[in-house]
Amino acid sequence: MSVNDATRGPRMSLRRAIARVAAVLALVAGPLTVAPAAHAYGPYGPYTCANSLVWREATPGDLVCVTPARRSIIWQENADAWKHVQPGGGPYGPDTCVQGYVWRETRPSDHVCVVPDSRWWASQDNRNAALGYANIAEIPANGTYSGWDGRMWVSGSGFTPNGSIAVYGWATDTRYMIRAGNALTLARSGGYLPTTYFTSSGCSLNYQRTMLVITVDAATGLVRNAGQQYIPCGWA
C-alpha cells in the first residue's frame, strides 16, 4: 500500500465530516450568499415608481416620480446650468440667473436656472408626487402622525420650514386620492406641523371604508404615509 493509499481513507472521512457539518450549517443558517432582506417593498424600496415612471433625480435624493422624458429634460437642465448663471453673481448671490431664467426649485436648494415654465412643472411634479408610486401603502411615516379624537388630525416634523403641506386620503378600496377639504396647511419655521384638524367637530366616520392619510411637502415632493384611518365625512 502506498502512502497515498494509506492516507486517502482518513482524508475522505474528514472531507465527508466537513461536508456534513456544512450541510447542517446551511440548513440552520441558510445559504452563505448575501441575499436581500425580505420585505414587501418594490424592487427599489418603498419609493419604487409606478410602471413607466422614473425618479426625477434633479438633486441627490430626489425620489419624485416623473416620465422618462421629463427626467431627460431635468438632466439636460443640470448639464446646461452654468450657461444661465449671471457671471460674477448678482442680487441673489452667486447663483443669480441671467435675465429670463429663474431657479427651478424642485426643492429650496435647487438653484439651477431654467425658464419659468420649467419651474412651474417642477412645482406640479412636487404637488402630484403621491400619485407616482407603485404602492403608496409602503411609503414610510418618517415622523408624521394622524388620528381621530372627534375630528381627523395630522401632525409631524421634518417638513420644509414655512412650507405648504398637502394632506390627502388614499382610499384603499377605490384607489384614488381624496383631497381634504382644508388640504393645505403650513409648517412652522422649524419644519414642525402642529396638530392640524381637517374635519368639523360634527363629522362622522365611515367604519366600512378606510384610507391612508398621505402628506406631501410641496417644496420638495416628499411623500409620507401618516397611517390608516377610517374615512370621515367630507372625504368620501
Protein backbone atom coordinates (compact mmCIF):
# COMPACT_ATOMS: atom_id res chain seq x y z
CA MET A 1 0.00 0.00 0.00
CA SER A 2 1.40 3.43 -0.93
CA VAL A 3 1.47 6.42 1.38
CA ASN A 4 -1.26 7.99 -0.73
CA ASP A 5 -3.44 4.90 -0.35
CA ALA A 6 -2.82 4.90 3.38
CA THR A 7 -3.91 8.50 3.84
CA ARG A 8 -6.79 8.52 1.33
CA GLY A 9 -9.24 6.86 3.73
CA PRO A 10 -8.73 9.35 6.61
CA ARG A 11 -8.82 12.25 4.14
CA MET A 12 -12.08 11.07 2.61
CA SER A 13 -13.59 10.61 6.07
CA LEU A 14 -12.51 14.13 7.06
CA ARG A 15 -13.98 15.56 3.86
CA ARG A 16 -17.27 13.76 4.47
CA ALA A 17 -17.39 15.08 8.02
CA ILE A 18 -16.73 18.65 6.86
CA ALA A 19 -19.39 18.29 4.20
CA ARG A 20 -21.92 17.05 6.77
CA VAL A 21 -21.15 19.95 9.11
CA ALA A 22 -21.50 22.41 6.21
CA ALA A 23 -24.84 20.87 5.26
CA VAL A 24 -26.14 21.22 8.81
CA LEU A 25 -24.97 24.83 8.99
CA ALA A 26 -26.62 25.55 5.67
CA LEU A 27 -29.92 24.16 6.95
CA VAL A 28 -29.70 26.19 10.13
CA ALA A 29 -28.30 29.46 8.81
CA GLY A 30 -29.46 29.31 5.22
CA PRO A 31 -27.29 29.92 2.17
CA LEU A 32 -23.94 31.59 2.71
CA THR A 33 -24.54 34.01 -0.16
CA VAL A 34 -25.76 37.50 0.68
CA ALA A 35 -29.44 37.90 -0.19
CA PRO A 36 -31.72 40.94 0.08
CA ALA A 37 -33.73 41.24 3.27
CA ALA A 38 -37.28 40.01 2.94
CA HIS A 39 -39.80 42.85 2.78
CA ALA A 40 -42.88 43.92 0.88
CA TYR A 41 -41.16 46.80 -0.88
CA GLY A 42 -40.87 47.17 -4.63
CA PRO A 43 -37.54 46.49 -6.36
CA TYR A 44 -36.23 49.97 -5.46
CA GLY A 45 -37.59 50.22 -1.93
CA PRO A 46 -40.72 51.93 -0.61
CA TYR A 47 -40.38 54.77 -3.11
CA THR A 48 -40.43 52.49 -6.16
CA CYS A 49 -42.16 54.32 -9.02
CA ALA A 50 -45.25 53.07 -10.81
CA ASN A 51 -44.80 51.47 -14.22
CA SER A 52 -43.44 53.80 -16.92
CA LEU A 53 -42.22 56.37 -14.35
CA VAL A 54 -38.70 57.01 -13.04
CA TRP A 55 -37.14 59.05 -10.27
CA ARG A 56 -36.67 62.67 -11.26
CA GLU A 57 -33.23 62.97 -9.61
CA ALA A 58 -32.97 66.71 -10.11
CA THR A 59 -30.81 66.77 -6.98
CA PRO A 60 -29.32 63.96 -4.84
CA GLY A 61 -32.09 62.09 -3.02
CA ASP A 62 -34.87 63.41 -5.27
CA LEU A 63 -37.32 60.47 -5.49
CA VAL A 64 -40.26 62.22 -7.12
CA CYS A 65 -41.53 60.02 -9.96
CA VAL A 66 -41.83 61.54 -13.43
CA THR A 67 -41.86 60.34 -17.03
CA PRO A 68 -38.51 59.44 -18.60
CA ALA A 69 -38.94 62.40 -20.98
CA ARG A 70 -39.36 64.78 -18.06
CA ARG A 71 -36.26 63.39 -16.35
CA SER A 72 -34.24 63.82 -19.56
CA ILE A 73 -35.21 67.49 -19.63
CA ILE A 74 -34.21 67.88 -15.98
CA TRP A 75 -30.83 66.25 -16.54
CA GLN A 76 -30.19 68.42 -19.58
CA GLU A 77 -31.01 71.48 -17.49
CA ASN A 78 -28.45 70.32 -14.94
CA ALA A 79 -25.82 69.91 -17.65
CA ASP A 80 -26.55 73.36 -19.07
CA ALA A 81 -26.90 75.11 -15.72
CA TRP A 82 -23.63 77.03 -16.00
CA LYS A 83 -24.83 78.74 -19.17
CA HIS A 84 -27.68 80.55 -17.41
CA VAL A 85 -25.92 81.93 -14.34
CA GLN A 86 -25.06 85.62 -14.28
CA PRO A 87 -21.25 86.00 -14.42
CA GLY A 88 -19.92 87.34 -11.16
CA GLY A 89 -23.25 86.82 -9.39
CA GLY A 90 -25.94 89.39 -8.73
CA PRO A 91 -28.68 90.44 -6.31
CA TYR A 92 -29.43 86.79 -5.39
CA GLY A 93 -25.83 85.83 -4.79
CA PRO A 94 -23.53 83.67 -6.93
CA ASP A 95 -26.48 81.65 -8.27
CA THR A 96 -28.28 84.68 -9.70
CA CYS A 97 -29.79 83.73 -13.07
CA VAL A 98 -29.42 85.68 -16.29
CA GLN A 99 -32.47 87.62 -17.45
CA GLY A 100 -35.38 85.40 -18.47
CA TYR A 101 -34.37 82.49 -16.19
CA VAL A 102 -35.40 81.55 -12.64
CA TRP A 103 -34.38 78.96 -10.08
CA ARG A 104 -36.04 75.61 -10.76
CA GLU A 105 -36.64 74.87 -7.05
CA THR A 106 -37.58 71.21 -7.11
CA ARG A 107 -36.52 71.81 -3.52
CA PRO A 108 -35.38 75.06 -1.85
CA SER A 109 -31.69 74.31 -2.51
CA ASP A 110 -32.23 73.69 -6.24
CA HIS A 111 -30.80 76.84 -7.84
CA VAL A 112 -30.47 75.51 -11.38
CA CYS A 113 -31.53 78.33 -13.69
CA VAL A 114 -34.37 77.40 -16.04
CA VAL A 115 -37.18 79.06 -17.99
CA PRO A 116 -40.24 79.90 -15.85
CA ASP A 117 -42.30 77.10 -17.41
CA SER A 118 -39.84 74.53 -16.11
CA ARG A 119 -40.15 75.83 -12.56
CA TRP A 120 -43.93 75.60 -12.86
CA TRP A 121 -43.65 71.98 -13.98
CA ALA A 122 -41.32 71.24 -11.07
CA SER A 123 -43.90 72.59 -8.63
CA GLN A 124 -46.60 70.44 -10.25
CA ASP A 125 -44.38 67.36 -10.04
CA ASN A 126 -43.96 68.02 -6.32
CA ARG A 127 -47.65 68.54 -5.59
CA ASN A 128 -48.65 65.40 -7.50
CA ALA A 129 -45.82 63.27 -6.15
CA ALA A 130 -48.11 60.92 -4.19
CA LEU A 131 -49.63 59.63 -7.42
CA GLY A 132 -46.36 58.35 -8.83
CA TYR A 133 -45.54 55.39 -6.58
CA ALA A 134 -46.15 51.72 -7.22
CA ASN A 135 -47.61 51.07 -3.76
CA ILE A 136 -48.36 54.06 -1.60
CA ALA A 137 -49.06 51.80 1.37
CA GLU A 138 -45.30 51.11 1.54
CA ILE A 139 -44.37 54.77 1.93
CA PRO A 140 -42.92 55.31 5.44
CA ALA A 141 -44.32 57.72 8.03
CA ASN A 142 -40.97 59.43 8.69
CA GLY A 143 -42.26 61.43 11.63
CA THR A 144 -45.87 62.06 10.58
CA TYR A 145 -48.95 61.02 12.53
CA SER A 146 -52.71 61.04 12.14
CA GLY A 147 -55.62 60.22 14.41
CA TRP A 148 -59.21 60.84 15.44
CA ASP A 149 -60.46 62.49 18.61
CA GLY A 150 -63.84 63.56 17.32
CA ARG A 151 -62.08 65.18 14.36
CA MET A 152 -59.39 63.94 11.95
CA TRP A 153 -55.97 65.40 12.71
CA VAL A 154 -52.46 65.24 11.25
CA SER A 155 -49.13 66.33 12.73
CA GLY A 156 -45.45 65.77 12.10
CA SER A 157 -41.94 67.14 11.82
CA GLY A 158 -39.09 67.36 9.34
CA PHE A 159 -41.01 69.35 6.73
CA THR A 160 -39.69 72.34 4.81
CA PRO A 161 -39.74 75.29 7.23
CA ASN A 162 -42.64 77.62 6.44
CA GLY A 163 -43.58 75.33 3.55
CA SER A 164 -47.00 74.19 2.37
CA ILE A 165 -48.11 70.67 3.29
CA ALA A 166 -50.90 69.00 1.32
CA VAL A 167 -52.97 66.30 3.03
CA TYR A 168 -54.85 63.56 1.17
CA GLY A 169 -56.68 60.36 1.86
CA TRP A 170 -55.86 57.33 -0.27
CA ALA A 171 -58.92 55.10 -0.39
CA THR A 172 -57.63 51.55 -0.34
CA ASP A 173 -60.75 50.13 -2.00
CA THR A 174 -61.19 52.63 -4.83
CA ARG A 175 -57.50 53.53 -5.28
CA TYR A 176 -57.78 57.25 -5.77
CA MET A 177 -56.66 60.31 -3.87
CA ILE A 178 -59.23 62.15 -1.75
CA ARG A 179 -58.21 65.74 -1.15
CA ALA A 180 -59.05 67.03 2.28
CA GLY A 181 -61.40 69.99 2.41
CA ASN A 182 -58.71 72.00 4.18
CA ALA A 183 -55.89 70.28 2.34
CA LEU A 184 -53.10 72.85 2.55
CA THR A 185 -51.51 73.76 5.84
CA LEU A 186 -48.24 75.47 6.73
CA ALA A 187 -45.28 74.04 8.61
CA ARG A 188 -43.70 76.24 11.25
CA SER A 189 -40.25 77.80 10.93
CA GLY A 190 -38.61 74.70 12.36
CA GLY A 191 -40.35 72.39 9.91
CA TYR A 192 -42.85 71.20 12.52
CA LEU A 193 -46.51 70.69 11.60
CA PRO A 194 -48.60 71.17 14.75
CA THR A 195 -51.72 69.09 15.22
CA THR A 196 -54.00 70.27 12.41
CA TYR A 197 -57.65 69.29 12.09
CA PHE A 198 -59.19 68.52 8.71
CA THR A 199 -62.83 67.79 9.60
CA SER A 200 -65.54 69.55 11.55
CA SER A 201 -66.48 68.55 15.09
CA GLY A 202 -69.81 67.14 13.87
CA CYS A 203 -68.20 64.83 11.35
CA SER A 204 -68.79 61.08 11.49
CA LEU A 205 -66.69 58.14 10.35
CA ASN A 206 -67.46 55.55 7.71
CA TYR A 207 -66.47 52.37 9.50
CA GLN A 208 -66.94 50.34 6.33
CA ARG A 209 -64.11 52.04 4.49
CA THR A 210 -60.55 53.00 5.36
CA MET A 211 -57.93 55.25 3.84
CA LEU A 212 -54.26 56.05 4.20
CA VAL A 213 -53.54 59.60 5.33
CA ILE A 214 -50.90 60.95 2.96
CA THR A 215 -48.88 64.16 3.36
CA VAL A 216 -46.93 65.85 0.57
CA ASP A 217 -44.31 68.52 1.20
CA ALA A 218 -44.99 70.89 -1.69
CA ALA A 219 -41.48 72.38 -1.55
CA THR A 220 -39.70 69.03 -2.06
CA GLY A 221 -42.28 66.48 -3.21
CA LEU A 222 -41.51 64.30 -0.19
CA VAL A 223 -44.44 61.93 0.39
CA ARG A 224 -45.21 60.35 3.75
CA ASN A 225 -47.81 57.92 4.99
CA ALA A 226 -49.29 59.13 8.28
CA GLY A 227 -51.21 55.92 8.89
CA GLN A 228 -54.53 54.27 8.18
CA GLN A 229 -57.80 55.82 9.35
CA TYR A 230 -61.50 55.36 8.72
CA ILE A 231 -62.82 57.72 6.06
CA PRO A 232 -64.53 60.74 7.67
CA CYS A 233 -67.39 62.69 6.17
CA GLY A 234 -66.31 65.11 3.50
CA TRP A 235 -63.51 62.82 2.33
CA ALA A 236 -65.60 60.10 0.66
